[in-house]
Amino acid sequence: MKKALRIFTNKFLISIIVFIVWMMYFDQNDYFTMQQKRKDLKALKDKVAYLNTETKNMQTELADIMTKPQKLEQLARESYYMKRDNEDIYVIEKK
């Protein structure tokens, strides 16, 4: 019993416990803040990966538009409602 009491009243052990509790709950960079920052970092990395794939897709689409006249005509017809002289265009909007 005396040995257990002596271990728990050791000033170094108490200091270490107080330090750990302080760092876990009261410090500016506590455990919960770091977990939130890790979560935010993962979300940002996922967003960067998504945007990189979108950039690659857009680059391939741009290369197709620059090299293939059919793709350029398709883009002009769909986005800018361009038409040939003998055609009529009907725009149907979804509700």
Protein backbone atom coordinates (compact mmCIF):
# COMPACT_ATOMS: atom_id res chain seq x y z
CA MET A 1 0.00 0.00 0.00
CA LYS A 2 2.79 2.39 0.88
CA LYS A 3 4.54 1.58 -2.37
CA ALA A 4 1.42 2.37 -4.44
CA LEU A 5 0.87 5.59 -2.49
CA ARG A 6 4.48 6.52 -3.00
CA ILE A 7 4.21 5.94 -6.79
CA PHE A 8 1.06 8.05 -7.10
CA THR A 9 2.49 10.92 -5.06
CA ASN A 10 5.69 11.01 -7.07
CA LYS A 11 6.12 14.58 -8.29
CA PHE A 12 7.47 13.46 -11.67
CA LEU A 13 4.49 11.19 -12.33
CA ILE A 14 2.08 13.93 -11.28
CA SER A 15 3.91 16.41 -13.53
CA ILE A 16 3.71 14.03 -16.49
CA ILE A 17 0.01 13.40 -15.92
CA VAL A 18 -0.72 17.12 -15.61
CA PHE A 19 1.29 17.78 -18.77
CA ILE A 20 -0.57 15.09 -20.74
CA VAL A 21 -3.96 16.34 -19.56
CA TRP A 22 -2.98 19.91 -20.43
CA MET A 23 -1.82 18.92 -23.91
CA MET A 24 -4.89 16.76 -24.56
CA TYR A 25 -7.56 19.26 -23.52
CA PHE A 26 -6.35 22.79 -22.83
CA ASP A 27 -3.55 23.51 -25.29
CA GLN A 28 -4.07 25.39 -28.55
CA ASN A 29 -3.11 22.24 -30.48
CA ASP A 30 -5.10 19.78 -28.41
CA TYR A 31 -6.10 16.32 -29.57
CA PHE A 32 -9.56 17.25 -30.81
CA THR A 33 -8.31 20.23 -32.80
CA MET A 34 -5.66 18.08 -34.44
CA GLN A 35 -8.25 15.45 -35.36
CA GLN A 36 -10.41 18.15 -36.98
CA LYS A 37 -7.41 19.50 -38.87
CA ARG A 38 -6.57 15.99 -40.12
CA LYS A 39 -10.15 15.59 -41.30
CA ASP A 40 -10.03 18.95 -43.09
CA LEU A 41 -6.69 18.05 -44.67
CA LYS A 42 -8.09 14.77 -45.98
CA ALA A 43 -11.10 16.59 -47.44
CA LEU A 44 -8.82 19.10 -49.14
CA LYS A 45 -6.62 16.33 -50.55
CA ASP A 46 -9.71 14.62 -51.94
CA LYS A 47 -10.83 17.89 -53.52
CA VAL A 48 -7.38 18.42 -55.06
CA ALA A 49 -7.45 14.91 -56.53
CA TYR A 50 -10.92 15.53 -57.96
CA LEU A 51 -9.89 18.85 -59.47
CA ASN A 52 -6.77 17.27 -60.98
CA THR A 53 -8.88 14.63 -62.72
CA GLU A 54 -11.28 17.31 -63.94
CA THR A 55 -8.34 19.29 -65.31
CA LYS A 56 -7.08 16.24 -67.19
CA ASN A 57 -10.55 15.61 -68.60
CA MET A 58 -10.84 19.22 -69.75
CA GLN A 59 -7.40 19.11 -71.34
CA THR A 60 -8.32 16.01 -73.34
CA GLU A 61 -11.61 17.63 -74.34
CA LEU A 62 -9.77 20.77 -75.45
CA ALA A 63 -7.32 18.69 -77.47
CA ASP A 64 -10.27 16.93 -79.15
CA ILE A 65 -11.93 20.24 -79.95
CA MET A 66 -8.71 21.67 -81.40
CA THR A 67 -7.97 18.64 -83.58
CA LYS A 68 -11.37 17.24 -84.58
CA PRO A 69 -13.77 19.49 -86.51
CA GLN A 70 -16.73 17.26 -85.57
CA LYS A 71 -16.17 17.98 -81.86
CA LEU A 72 -15.90 21.71 -82.55
CA GLU A 73 -19.16 21.64 -84.49
CA GLN A 74 -20.83 19.64 -81.70
CA LEU A 75 -19.68 22.16 -79.10
CA ALA A 76 -20.91 25.08 -81.19
CA ARG A 77 -24.29 23.47 -81.74
CA GLU A 78 -24.85 22.43 -78.11
CA SER A 79 -23.43 25.41 -76.24
CA TYR A 80 -24.04 28.33 -78.57
CA TYR A 81 -27.13 27.07 -80.47
CA MET A 82 -25.41 27.56 -83.81
CA LYS A 83 -27.03 26.00 -86.83
CA ARG A 84 -26.63 25.52 -90.53
CA ASP A 85 -28.61 27.68 -92.94
CA ASN A 86 -31.22 25.05 -93.74
CA GLU A 87 -31.87 23.89 -90.16
CA ASP A 88 -34.28 24.88 -87.41
CA ILE A 89 -33.38 24.62 -83.72
CA TYR A 90 -35.85 23.79 -80.99
CA VAL A 91 -34.67 24.28 -77.40
CA ILE A 92 -36.47 22.14 -74.83
CA GLU A 93 -35.92 23.16 -71.21
CA LYS A 94 -36.46 20.75 -68.36
CA LYS A 95 -38.41 21.91 -65.33
